[in-house]
PDB file of N, CA and C in Angstrom:
ATOM      1  N   UNK A   1      -8.119  20.748  63.630  1.00  0.00           N
ATOM      2  CA  UNK A   1      -7.388  19.494  63.621  1.00  0.00           C
ATOM      3  C   UNK A   1      -7.432  18.898  62.220  1.00  0.00           C
ATOM      4  N   UNK A   2      -6.262  18.587  61.727  1.00  0.00           N
ATOM      5  CA  UNK A   2      -6.170  18.009  60.382  1.00  0.00           C
ATOM      6  C   UNK A   2      -6.410  16.506  60.452  1.00  0.00           C
ATOM      7  N   UNK A   3      -7.291  16.018  59.609  1.00  0.00           N
ATOM      8  CA  UNK A   3      -7.574  14.597  59.556  1.00  0.00           C
ATOM      9  C   UNK A   3      -7.544  14.124  58.110  1.00  0.00           C
ATOM     10  N   UNK A   4      -6.946  12.964  57.914  1.00  0.00           N
ATOM     11  CA  UNK A   4      -6.908  12.314  56.609  1.00  0.00           C
ATOM     12  C   UNK A   4      -7.570  10.950  56.767  1.00  0.00           C
ATOM     13  N   UNK A   5      -8.547  10.642  55.932  1.00  0.00           N
ATOM     14  CA  UNK A   5      -9.261   9.397  56.007  1.00  0.00           C
ATOM     15  C   UNK A   5      -9.223   8.702  54.650  1.00  0.00           C
ATOM     16  N   UNK A   6      -8.552   7.560  54.646  1.00  0.00           N
ATOM     17  CA  UNK A   6      -8.458   6.766  53.404  1.00  0.00           C
ATOM     18  C   UNK A   6      -9.599   5.767  53.309  1.00  0.00           C
ATOM     19  N   UNK A   7      -9.976   5.459  52.097  1.00  0.00           N
ATOM     20  CA  UNK A   7     -11.004   4.435  51.856  1.00  0.00           C
ATOM     21  C   UNK A   7     -10.746   3.818  50.504  1.00  0.00           C
ATOM     22  N   UNK A   8     -11.470   2.743  50.193  1.00  0.00           N
ATOM     23  CA  UNK A   8     -11.370   2.109  48.894  1.00  0.00           C
ATOM     24  C   UNK A   8     -10.570   0.871  48.827  1.00  0.00           C
ATOM     25  N   UNK A   9      -9.869   0.527  49.907  1.00  0.00           N
ATOM     26  CA  UNK A   9      -9.105  -0.705  49.940  1.00  0.00           C
ATOM     27  C   UNK A   9     -10.019  -1.943  49.954  1.00  0.00           C
ATOM     28  N   UNK A  10      -9.402  -3.058  49.831  1.00  0.00           N
ATOM     29  CA  UNK A  10     -10.170  -4.326  49.848  1.00  0.00           C
ATOM     30  C   UNK A  10      -9.375  -5.471  49.300  1.00  0.00           C
ATOM     31  N   UNK A  11     -10.070  -6.546  49.047  1.00  0.00           N
ATOM     32  CA  UNK A  11      -9.527  -7.783  48.492  1.00  0.00           C
ATOM     33  C   UNK A  11      -9.855  -7.835  47.008  1.00  0.00           C
ATOM     34  N   UNK A  12      -8.846  -8.033  46.205  1.00  0.00           N
ATOM     35  CA  UNK A  12      -9.053  -8.095  44.746  1.00  0.00           C
ATOM     36  C   UNK A  12      -8.125  -9.159  44.157  1.00  0.00           C
ATOM     37  N   UNK A  13      -8.527  -9.763  43.068  1.00  0.00           N
ATOM     38  CA  UNK A  13      -7.708 -10.745  42.399  1.00  0.00           C
ATOM     39  C   UNK A  13      -6.636 -10.046  41.556  1.00  0.00           C
ATOM     40  N   UNK A  14      -5.543 -10.733  41.348  1.00  0.00           N
ATOM     41  CA  UNK A  14      -4.503 -10.216  40.508  1.00  0.00           C
ATOM     42  C   UNK A  14      -5.068  -9.810  39.144  1.00  0.00           C
ATOM     43  N   UNK A  15      -4.631  -8.669  38.668  1.00  0.00           N
ATOM     44  CA  UNK A  15      -5.126  -8.133  37.422  1.00  0.00           C
ATOM     45  C   UNK A  15      -6.311  -7.152  37.609  1.00  0.00           C
ATOM     46  N   UNK A  16      -6.831  -7.136  38.772  1.00  0.00           N
ATOM     47  CA  UNK A  16      -7.986  -6.273  39.068  1.00  0.00           C
ATOM     48  C   UNK A  16      -7.570  -4.842  39.365  1.00  0.00           C
ATOM     49  N   UNK A  17      -8.593  -4.047  39.712  1.00  0.00           N
ATOM     50  CA  UNK A  17      -8.360  -2.613  39.965  1.00  0.00           C
ATOM     51  C   UNK A  17      -9.047  -2.197  41.259  1.00  0.00           C
ATOM     52  N   UNK A  18      -8.482  -1.171  41.845  1.00  0.00           N
ATOM     53  CA  UNK A  18      -9.086  -0.488  43.015  1.00  0.00           C
ATOM     54  C   UNK A  18      -8.826   1.008  42.880  1.00  0.00           C
ATOM     55  N   UNK A  19      -9.689   1.759  43.443  1.00  0.00           N
ATOM     56  CA  UNK A  19      -9.520   3.185  43.526  1.00  0.00           C
ATOM     57  C   UNK A  19      -9.549   3.623  44.968  1.00  0.00           C
ATOM     58  N   UNK A  20      -8.428   4.133  45.439  1.00  0.00           N
ATOM     59  CA  UNK A  20      -8.337   4.626  46.792  1.00  0.00           C
ATOM     60  C   UNK A  20      -8.657   6.125  46.831  1.00  0.00           C
ATOM     61  N   UNK A  21      -9.286   6.506  47.901  1.00  0.00           N
ATOM     62  CA  UNK A  21      -9.597   7.928  48.132  1.00  0.00           C
ATOM     63  C   UNK A  21      -9.030   8.371  49.490  1.00  0.00           C
ATOM     64  N   UNK A  22      -8.700   9.620  49.570  1.00  0.00           N
ATOM     65  CA  UNK A  22      -8.203  10.184  50.842  1.00  0.00           C
ATOM     66  C   UNK A  22      -8.891  11.545  50.984  1.00  0.00           C
ATOM     67  N   UNK A  23      -9.721  11.656  51.993  1.00  0.00           N
ATOM     68  CA  UNK A  23     -10.436  12.912  52.243  1.00  0.00           C
ATOM     69  C   UNK A  23      -9.731  13.633  53.380  1.00  0.00           C
ATOM     70  N   UNK A  24      -9.399  14.853  53.146  1.00  0.00           N
ATOM     71  CA  UNK A  24      -8.702  15.688  54.128  1.00  0.00           C
ATOM     72  C   UNK A  24      -9.643  16.712  54.712  1.00  0.00           C
ATOM     73  N   UNK A  25      -9.638  16.831  55.996  1.00  0.00           N
ATOM     74  CA  UNK A  25     -10.450  17.849  56.663  1.00  0.00           C
ATOM     75  C   UNK A  25      -9.552  18.640  57.601  1.00  0.00           C
ATOM     76  N   UNK A  26      -9.927  19.876  57.841  1.00  0.00           N
ATOM     77  CA  UNK A  26      -9.176  20.731  58.767  1.00  0.00           C
ATOM     78  C   UNK A  26      -8.090  21.587  58.114  1.00  0.00           C
ATOM     79  N   UNK A  27      -7.890  21.359  56.817  1.00  0.00           N
ATOM     80  CA  UNK A  27      -6.869  22.113  56.090  1.00  0.00           C
ATOM     81  C   UNK A  27      -7.089  22.002  54.600  1.00  0.00           C
ATOM     82  N   UNK A  28      -6.851  23.068  53.915  1.00  0.00           N
ATOM     83  CA  UNK A  28      -6.956  23.037  52.447  1.00  0.00           C
ATOM     84  C   UNK A  28      -5.745  22.268  51.889  1.00  0.00           C
ATOM     85  N   UNK A  29      -5.991  21.508  50.841  1.00  0.00           N
ATOM     86  CA  UNK A  29      -4.885  20.756  50.261  1.00  0.00           C
ATOM     87  C   UNK A  29      -4.327  21.441  49.073  1.00  0.00           C
ATOM     88  N   UNK A  30      -4.938  22.555  48.643  1.00  0.00           N
ATOM     89  CA  UNK A  30      -4.612  23.103  47.310  1.00  0.00           C
ATOM     90  C   UNK A  30      -3.157  23.496  47.148  1.00  0.00           C
ATOM     91  N   UNK A  31      -2.509  23.850  48.223  1.00  0.00           N
ATOM     92  CA  UNK A  31      -1.124  24.319  48.103  1.00  0.00           C
ATOM     93  C   UNK A  31      -0.117  23.272  48.595  1.00  0.00           C
ATOM     94  N   UNK A  32      -0.573  22.078  48.825  1.00  0.00           N
ATOM     95  CA  UNK A  32       0.307  21.050  49.400  1.00  0.00           C
ATOM     96  C   UNK A  32       0.564  19.899  48.455  1.00  0.00           C
ATOM     97  N   UNK A  33       1.759  19.342  48.590  1.00  0.00           N
ATOM     98  CA  UNK A  33       2.007  18.044  47.932  1.00  0.00           C
ATOM     99  C   UNK A  33       1.181  16.989  48.664  1.00  0.00           C
ATOM    100  N   UNK A  34       0.611  16.090  47.913  1.00  0.00           N
ATOM    101  CA  UNK A  34      -0.103  14.968  48.457  1.00  0.00           C
ATOM    102  C   UNK A  34       0.537  13.670  47.973  1.00  0.00           C
ATOM    103  N   UNK A  35       0.605  12.735  48.857  1.00  0.00           N
ATOM    104  CA  UNK A  35       1.246  11.471  48.472  1.00  0.00           C
ATOM    105  C   UNK A  35       0.513  10.223  48.959  1.00  0.00           C
ATOM    106  N   UNK A  36       0.773   9.155  48.278  1.00  0.00           N
ATOM    107  CA  UNK A  36       0.355   7.829  48.702  1.00  0.00           C
ATOM    108  C   UNK A  36       1.600   6.987  48.996  1.00  0.00           C
ATOM    109  N   UNK A  37       1.576   6.339  50.140  1.00  0.00           N
ATOM    110  CA  UNK A  37       2.644   5.449  50.557  1.00  0.00           C
ATOM    111  C   UNK A  37       2.061   4.090  50.879  1.00  0.00           C
ATOM    112  N   UNK A  38       2.885   3.096  50.982  1.00  0.00           N
ATOM    113  CA  UNK A  38       2.381   1.787  51.371  1.00  0.00           C
ATOM    114  C   UNK A  38       3.419   1.074  52.249  1.00  0.00           C
ATOM    115  N   UNK A  39       2.890   0.175  53.053  1.00  0.00           N
ATOM    116  CA  UNK A  39       3.744  -0.604  53.923  1.00  0.00           C
ATOM    117  C   UNK A  39       3.238  -2.059  53.930  1.00  0.00           C
ATOM    118  N   UNK A  40       4.091  -2.927  53.451  1.00  0.00           N
ATOM    119  CA  UNK A  40       3.789  -4.371  53.469  1.00  0.00           C
ATOM    120  C   UNK A  40       4.307  -4.971  54.787  1.00  0.00           C
ATOM    121  N   UNK A  41       3.762  -6.102  55.183  1.00  0.00           N
ATOM    122  CA  UNK A  41       4.225  -6.733  56.425  1.00  0.00           C
ATOM    123  C   UNK A  41       5.718  -6.972  56.419  1.00  0.00           C
ATOM    124  N   UNK A  42       6.378  -6.545  57.460  1.00  0.00           N
ATOM    125  CA  UNK A  42       7.812  -6.769  57.559  1.00  0.00           C
ATOM    126  C   UNK A  42       8.694  -5.839  56.717  1.00  0.00           C
ATOM    127  N   UNK A  43       8.085  -4.898  56.080  1.00  0.00           N
ATOM    128  CA  UNK A  43       8.845  -3.993  55.232  1.00  0.00           C
ATOM    129  C   UNK A  43       8.639  -2.537  55.664  1.00  0.00           C
ATOM    130  N   UNK A  44       9.547  -1.723  55.210  1.00  0.00           N
ATOM    131  CA  UNK A  44       9.441  -0.302  55.524  1.00  0.00           C
ATOM    132  C   UNK A  44       8.341   0.374  54.659  1.00  0.00           C
ATOM    133  N   UNK A  45       7.842   1.460  55.155  1.00  0.00           N
ATOM    134  CA  UNK A  45       6.868   2.230  54.379  1.00  0.00           C
ATOM    135  C   UNK A  45       7.617   2.849  53.164  1.00  0.00           C
ATOM    136  N   UNK A  46       6.958   2.786  52.018  1.00  0.00           N
ATOM    137  CA  UNK A  46       7.598   3.280  50.802  1.00  0.00           C
ATOM    138  C   UNK A  46       6.640   4.190  50.049  1.00  0.00           C
ATOM    139  N   UNK A  47       7.219   5.107  49.340  1.00  0.00           N
ATOM    140  CA  UNK A  47       6.444   6.028  48.518  1.00  0.00           C
ATOM    141  C   UNK A  47       5.894   5.309  47.285  1.00  0.00           C
ATOM    142  N   UNK A  48       4.642   5.522  46.994  1.00  0.00           N
ATOM    143  CA  UNK A  48       4.008   4.988  45.803  1.00  0.00           C
ATOM    144  C   UNK A  48       3.916   6.080  44.715  1.00  0.00           C
ATOM    145  N   UNK A  49       3.376   7.234  45.123  1.00  0.00           N
ATOM    146  CA  UNK A  49       3.194   8.300  44.161  1.00  0.00           C
ATOM    147  C   UNK A  49       2.956   9.612  44.926  1.00  0.00           C
ATOM    148  N   UNK A  50       3.285  10.719  44.282  1.00  0.00           N
ATOM    149  CA  UNK A  50       2.944  11.981  44.840  1.00  0.00           C
ATOM    150  C   UNK A  50       2.481  12.944  43.765  1.00  0.00           C
ATOM    151  N   UNK A  51       1.716  13.959  44.183  1.00  0.00           N
ATOM    152  CA  UNK A  51       1.251  14.976  43.236  1.00  0.00           C
ATOM    153  C   UNK A  51       1.436  16.312  43.864  1.00  0.00           C
ATOM    154  N   UNK A  52       2.089  17.203  43.117  1.00  0.00           N
ATOM    155  CA  UNK A  52       2.372  18.551  43.568  1.00  0.00           C
ATOM    156  C   UNK A  52       1.133  19.442  43.472  1.00  0.00           C
ATOM    157  N   UNK A  53       1.224  20.596  44.091  1.00  0.00           N
ATOM    158  CA  UNK A  53       0.132  21.542  43.982  1.00  0.00           C
ATOM    159  C   UNK A  53      -0.132  21.930  42.523  1.00  0.00           C
ATOM    160  N   UNK A  54       0.906  21.901  41.704  1.00  0.00           N
ATOM    161  CA  UNK A  54       0.772  22.234  40.300  1.00  0.00           C
ATOM    162  C   UNK A  54       0.094  21.170  39.497  1.00  0.00           C
ATOM    163  N   UNK A  55      -0.039  19.979  40.073  1.00  0.00           N
ATOM    164  CA  UNK A  55      -0.615  18.853  39.380  1.00  0.00           C
ATOM    165  C   UNK A  55       0.416  17.910  38.799  1.00  0.00           C
ATOM    166  N   UNK A  56       1.688  18.278  38.885  1.00  0.00           N
ATOM    167  CA  UNK A  56       2.723  17.359  38.422  1.00  0.00           C
ATOM    168  C   UNK A  56       2.761  16.125  39.326  1.00  0.00           C
ATOM    169  N   UNK A  57       3.050  15.013  38.721  1.00  0.00           N
ATOM    170  CA  UNK A  57       3.042  13.734  39.413  1.00  0.00           C
ATOM    171  C   UNK A  57       4.364  13.004  39.313  1.00  0.00           C
ATOM    172  N   UNK A  58       4.574  12.101  40.236  1.00  0.00           N
ATOM    173  CA  UNK A  58       5.759  11.299  40.235  1.00  0.00           C
ATOM    174  C   UNK A  58       5.409   9.945  40.829  1.00  0.00           C
ATOM    175  N   UNK A  59       5.979   8.868  40.263  1.00  0.00           N
ATOM    176  CA  UNK A  59       5.605   7.499  40.662  1.00  0.00           C
ATOM    177  C   UNK A  59       6.830   6.696  41.001  1.00  0.00           C
ATOM    178  N   UNK A  60       6.677   5.783  41.933  1.00  0.00           N
ATOM    179  CA  UNK A  60       7.685   4.764  42.138  1.00  0.00           C
ATOM    180  C   UNK A  60       7.746   3.860  40.882  1.00  0.00           C
ATOM    181  N   UNK A  61       8.876   3.269  40.653  1.00  0.00           N
ATOM    182  CA  UNK A  61       9.007   2.411  39.461  1.00  0.00           C
ATOM    183  C   UNK A  61       7.939   1.311  39.482  1.00  0.00           C
ATOM    184  N   UNK A  62       7.637   0.792  40.644  1.00  0.00           N
ATOM    185  CA  UNK A  62       6.671  -0.303  40.765  1.00  0.00           C
ATOM    186  C   UNK A  62       5.255   0.121  40.392  1.00  0.00           C
ATOM    187  N   UNK A  63       5.009   1.457  40.402  1.00  0.00           N
ATOM    188  CA  UNK A  63       3.682   1.974  40.129  1.00  0.00           C
ATOM    189  C   UNK A  63       3.525   2.529  38.743  1.00  0.00           C
ATOM    190  N   UNK A  64       4.597   2.830  38.095  1.00  0.00           N
ATOM    191  CA  UNK A  64       4.536   3.468  36.775  1.00  0.00           C
ATOM    192  C   UNK A  64       3.770   2.612  35.762  1.00  0.00           C
ATOM    193  N   UNK A  65       2.884   3.277  35.067  1.00  0.00           N
ATOM    194  CA  UNK A  65       2.115   2.597  34.043  1.00  0.00           C
ATOM    195  C   UNK A  65       0.893   1.842  34.557  1.00  0.00           C
ATOM    196  N   UNK A  66       0.776   1.705  35.870  1.00  0.00           N
ATOM    197  CA  UNK A  66      -0.375   0.945  36.434  1.00  0.00           C
ATOM    198  C   UNK A  66      -1.207   1.832  37.368  1.00  0.00           C
ATOM    199  N   UNK A  67      -0.548   2.722  38.068  1.00  0.00           N
ATOM    200  CA  UNK A  67      -1.260   3.583  39.057  1.00  0.00           C
ATOM    201  C   UNK A  67      -1.326   5.015  38.588  1.00  0.00           C
ATOM    202  N   UNK A  68      -2.416   5.683  38.961  1.00  0.00           N
ATOM    203  CA  UNK A  68      -2.553   7.125  38.640  1.00  0.00           C
ATOM    204  C   UNK A  68      -3.031   7.847  39.866  1.00  0.00           C
ATOM    205  N   UNK A  69      -2.260   8.869  40.225  1.00  0.00           N
ATOM    206  CA  UNK A  69      -2.643   9.730  41.329  1.00  0.00           C
ATOM    207  C   UNK A  69      -3.293  10.990  40.800  1.00  0.00           C
ATOM    208  N   UNK A  70      -4.320  11.439  41.488  1.00  0.00           N
ATOM    209  CA  UNK A  70      -5.028  12.670  41.082  1.00  0.00           C
ATOM    210  C   UNK A  70      -5.568  13.356  42.308  1.00  0.00           C
ATOM    211  N   UNK A  71      -5.972  14.606  42.142  1.00  0.00           N
ATOM    212  CA  UNK A  71      -6.473  15.385  43.272  1.00  0.00           C
ATOM    213  C   UNK A  71      -7.649  16.243  42.847  1.00  0.00           C
ATOM    214  N   UNK A  72      -8.535  16.453  43.803  1.00  0.00           N
ATOM    215  CA  UNK A  72      -9.638  17.381  43.610  1.00  0.00           C
ATOM    216  C   UNK A  72      -9.588  18.348  44.775  1.00  0.00           C
ATOM    217  N   UNK A  73      -8.979  19.499  44.545  1.00  0.00           N
ATOM    218  CA  UNK A  73      -8.768  20.427  45.631  1.00  0.00           C
ATOM    219  C   UNK A  73     -10.082  20.939  46.239  1.00  0.00           C
ATOM    220  N   UNK A  74     -11.072  21.107  45.421  1.00  0.00           N
ATOM    221  CA  UNK A  74     -12.338  21.585  45.876  1.00  0.00           C
ATOM    222  C   UNK A  74     -13.001  20.624  46.886  1.00  0.00           C
ATOM    223  N   UNK A  75     -12.730  19.337  46.660  1.00  0.00           N
ATOM    224  CA  UNK A  75     -13.272  18.326  47.555  1.00  0.00           C
ATOM    225  C   UNK A  75     -12.317  17.941  48.655  1.00  0.00           C
ATOM    226  N   UNK A  76     -11.098  18.464  48.593  1.00  0.00           N
ATOM    227  CA  UNK A  76     -10.092  18.095  49.609  1.00  0.00           C
ATOM    228  C   UNK A  76      -9.739  16.650  49.537  1.00  0.00           C
ATOM    229  N   UNK A  77      -9.691  16.079  48.335  1.00  0.00           N
ATOM    230  CA  UNK A  77      -9.542  14.649  48.154  1.00  0.00           C
ATOM    231  C   UNK A  77      -8.434  14.345  47.172  1.00  0.00           C
ATOM    232  N   UNK A  78      -7.671  13.309  47.493  1.00  0.00           N
ATOM    233  CA  UNK A  78      -6.677  12.779  46.542  1.00  0.00           C
ATOM    234  C   UNK A  78      -7.024  11.328  46.315  1.00  0.00           C
ATOM    235  N   UNK A  79      -6.768  10.887  45.075  1.00  0.00           N
ATOM    236  CA  UNK A  79      -7.116   9.527  44.638  1.00  0.00           C
ATOM    237  C   UNK A  79      -5.906   8.757  44.188  1.00  0.00           C
ATOM    238  N   UNK A  80      -6.043   7.456  44.251  1.00  0.00           N
ATOM    239  CA  UNK A  80      -5.038   6.597  43.643  1.00  0.00           C
ATOM    240  C   UNK A  80      -5.796   5.500  42.909  1.00  0.00           C
ATOM    241  N   UNK A  81      -5.763   5.581  41.597  1.00  0.00           N
ATOM    242  CA  UNK A  81      -6.341   4.538  40.741  1.00  0.00           C
ATOM    243  C   UNK A  81      -5.278   3.477  40.495  1.00  0.00           C
ATOM    244  N   UNK A  82      -5.572   2.284  40.885  1.00  0.00           N
ATOM    245  CA  UNK A  82      -4.627   1.185  40.783  1.00  0.00           C
ATOM    246  C   UNK A  82      -5.200   0.124  39.828  1.00  0.00           C
ATOM    247  N   UNK A  83      -4.499  -0.112  38.751  1.00  0.00           N
ATOM    248  CA  UNK A  83      -4.892  -1.109  37.756  1.00  0.00           C
ATOM    249  C   UNK A  83      -3.847  -2.201  37.673  1.00  0.00           C
ATOM    250  N   UNK A  84      -4.236  -3.302  37.063  1.00  0.00           N
ATOM    251  CA  UNK A  84      -3.312  -4.421  36.864  1.00  0.00           C
ATOM    252  C   UNK A  84      -2.607  -4.798  38.171  1.00  0.00           C
ATOM    253  N   UNK A  85      -3.370  -4.914  39.215  1.00  0.00           N
ATOM    254  CA  UNK A  85      -2.802  -5.168  40.520  1.00  0.00           C
ATOM    255  C   UNK A  85      -2.111  -6.524  40.578  1.00  0.00           C
ATOM    256  N   UNK A  86      -1.051  -6.546  41.351  1.00  0.00           N
ATOM    257  CA  UNK A  86      -0.244  -7.785  41.540  1.00  0.00           C
ATOM    258  C   UNK A  86      -0.251  -8.151  43.011  1.00  0.00           C
ATOM    259  N   UNK A  87       0.033  -9.426  43.345  1.00  0.00           N
ATOM    260  CA  UNK A  87       0.119  -9.813  44.757  1.00  0.00           C
ATOM    261  C   UNK A  87       1.102  -8.975  45.540  1.00  0.00           C
ATOM    262  N   UNK A  88       2.183  -8.552  44.900  1.00  0.00           N
ATOM    263  CA  UNK A  88       3.193  -7.744  45.580  1.00  0.00           C
ATOM    264  C   UNK A  88       2.723  -6.334  45.898  1.00  0.00           C
ATOM    265  N   UNK A  89       1.546  -5.942  45.411  1.00  0.00           N
ATOM    266  CA  UNK A  89       0.965  -4.665  45.784  1.00  0.00           C
ATOM    267  C   UNK A  89       0.258  -4.720  47.131  1.00  0.00           C
ATOM    268  N   UNK A  90       0.115  -5.902  47.666  1.00  0.00           N
ATOM    269  CA  UNK A  90      -0.537  -6.082  48.957  1.00  0.00           C
ATOM    270  C   UNK A  90       0.186  -5.287  50.050  1.00  0.00           C
ATOM    271  N   UNK A  91      -0.554  -4.411  50.714  1.00  0.00           N
ATOM    272  CA  UNK A  91       0.038  -3.565  51.725  1.00  0.00           C
ATOM    273  C   UNK A  91      -1.065  -2.704  52.364  1.00  0.00           C
ATOM    274  N   UNK A  92      -0.720  -1.999  53.394  1.00  0.00           N
ATOM    275  CA  UNK A  92      -1.539  -0.926  53.906  1.00  0.00           C
ATOM    276  C   UNK A  92      -1.139   0.352  53.186  1.00  0.00           C
ATOM    277  N   UNK A  93      -2.097   1.044  52.620  1.00  0.00           N
ATOM    278  CA  UNK A  93      -1.817   2.240  51.847  1.00  0.00           C
ATOM    279  C   UNK A  93      -2.200   3.445  52.676  1.00  0.00           C
ATOM    280  N   UNK A  94      -1.253   4.372  52.766  1.00  0.00           N
ATOM    281  CA  UNK A  94      -1.413   5.556  53.580  1.00  0.00           C
ATOM    282  C   UNK A  94      -1.402   6.830  52.705  1.00  0.00           C
ATOM    283  N   UNK A  95      -2.214   7.778  53.094  1.00  0.00           N
ATOM    284  CA  UNK A  95      -2.247   9.095  52.460  1.00  0.00           C
ATOM    285  C   UNK A  95      -1.404  10.070  53.290  1.00  0.00           C
ATOM    286  N   UNK A  96      -0.724  10.936  52.580  1.00  0.00           N
ATOM    287  CA  UNK A  96       0.118  11.918  53.282  1.00  0.00           C
ATOM    288  C   UNK A  96      -0.152  13.332  52.753  1.00  0.00           C
ATOM    289  N   UNK A  97      -0.197  14.274  53.630  1.00  0.00           N
ATOM    290  CA  UNK A  97      -0.420  15.665  53.301  1.00  0.00           C
ATOM    291  C   UNK A  97       0.800  16.486  53.670  1.00  0.00           C
ATOM    292  N   UNK A  98       1.428  17.089  52.680  1.00  0.00           N
ATOM    293  CA  UNK A  98       2.513  18.017  52.953  1.00  0.00           C
ATOM    294  C   UNK A  98       3.677  17.445  53.712  1.00  0.00           C
ATOM    295  N   UNK A  99       3.883  16.130  53.655  1.00  0.00           N
ATOM    296  CA  UNK A  99       4.957  15.443  54.358  1.00  0.00           C
ATOM    297  C   UNK A  99       4.817  15.530  55.865  1.00  0.00           C
ATOM    298  N   UNK A 100       3.701  16.020  56.342  1.00  0.00           N
ATOM    299  CA  UNK A 100       3.529  16.209  57.791  1.00  0.00           C
ATOM    300  C   UNK A 100       2.394  15.388  58.397  1.00  0.00           C
ATOM    301  N   UNK A 101       1.348  15.175  57.632  1.00  0.00           N
ATOM    302  CA  UNK A 101       0.154  14.536  58.188  1.00  0.00           C
ATOM    303  C   UNK A 101      -0.117  13.220  57.491  1.00  0.00           C
ATOM    304  N   UNK A 102      -0.608  12.246  58.288  1.00  0.00           N
ATOM    305  CA  UNK A 102      -0.842  10.910  57.798  1.00  0.00           C
ATOM    306  C   UNK A 102      -2.239  10.454  58.157  1.00  0.00           C
ATOM    307  N   UNK A 103      -2.806   9.642  57.260  1.00  0.00           N
ATOM    308  CA  UNK A 103      -4.013   8.936  57.605  1.00  0.00           C
ATOM    309  C   UNK A 103      -3.678   7.629  58.296  1.00  0.00           C
ATOM    310  N   UNK A 104      -4.721   6.888  58.638  1.00  0.00           N
ATOM    311  CA  UNK A 104      -4.537   5.601  59.354  1.00  0.00           C
ATOM    312  C   UNK A 104      -4.334   4.441  58.411  1.00  0.00           C
ATOM    313  N   UNK A 105      -4.598   4.672  57.155  1.00  0.00           N
ATOM    314  CA  UNK A 105      -4.356   3.637  56.156  1.00  0.00           C
ATOM    315  C   UNK A 105      -5.562   2.803  55.789  1.00  0.00           C
ATOM    316  N   UNK A 106      -5.461   2.196  54.598  1.00  0.00           N
ATOM    317  CA  UNK A 106      -6.464   1.276  54.143  1.00  0.00           C
ATOM    318  C   UNK A 106      -5.782   0.047  53.574  1.00  0.00           C
ATOM    319  N   UNK A 107      -6.288  -1.125  53.905  1.00  0.00           N
ATOM    320  CA  UNK A 107      -5.655  -2.355  53.511  1.00  0.00           C
ATOM    321  C   UNK A 107      -6.003  -2.741  52.084  1.00  0.00           C
ATOM    322  N   UNK A 108      -5.005  -3.070  51.305  1.00  0.00           N
ATOM    323  CA  UNK A 108      -5.182  -3.591  49.961  1.00  0.00           C
ATOM    324  C   UNK A 108      -4.562  -4.989  49.936  1.00  0.00           C
ATOM    325  N   UNK A 109      -5.367  -5.977  49.526  1.00  0.00           N
ATOM    326  CA  UNK A 109      -4.894  -7.344  49.467  1.00  0.00           C
ATOM    327  C   UNK A 109      -5.159  -7.860  48.040  1.00  0.00           C
ATOM    328  N   UNK A 110      -4.129  -8.300  47.385  1.00  0.00           N
ATOM    329  CA  UNK A 110      -4.275  -8.818  46.046  1.00  0.00           C
ATOM    330  C   UNK A 110      -3.946 -10.288  46.062  1.00  0.00           C
ATOM    331  N   UNK A 111      -4.929 -11.101  45.678  1.00  0.00           N
ATOM    332  CA  UNK A 111      -4.750 -12.532  45.678  1.00  0.00           C
ATOM    333  C   UNK A 111      -4.299 -13.024  44.311  1.00  0.00           C
ATOM    334  N   UNK A 112      -3.498 -14.082  44.334  1.00  0.00           N
ATOM    335  CA  UNK A 112      -2.969 -14.628  43.075  1.00  0.00           C
ATOM    336  C   UNK A 112      -3.899 -15.658  42.439  1.00  0.00           C
TER     337      UNK A 112
END
């Protein structure tokens, strides 16, 4: 059974940083695209960033220059380093494996 468990969310002031982690069990991540998505209250889930098996990355415009996605295949873990956080980054952040599997999410709240 494939499981994705996110952690690292919390409450932070604007301008602060958080590092999210997603640990995958039940399947190797080395050949899969991994992504971070977020969903704010009343809004649709949106892509934040993804990283290909090759290590190539892509970011939403809102994340460029502030967020960094990375992966450690040996640990089955993908990270999202978030800097210069803004109140509009407040959302539940979800990890995705191969466009098929989802974690339950971790709450990020940025206060102004």
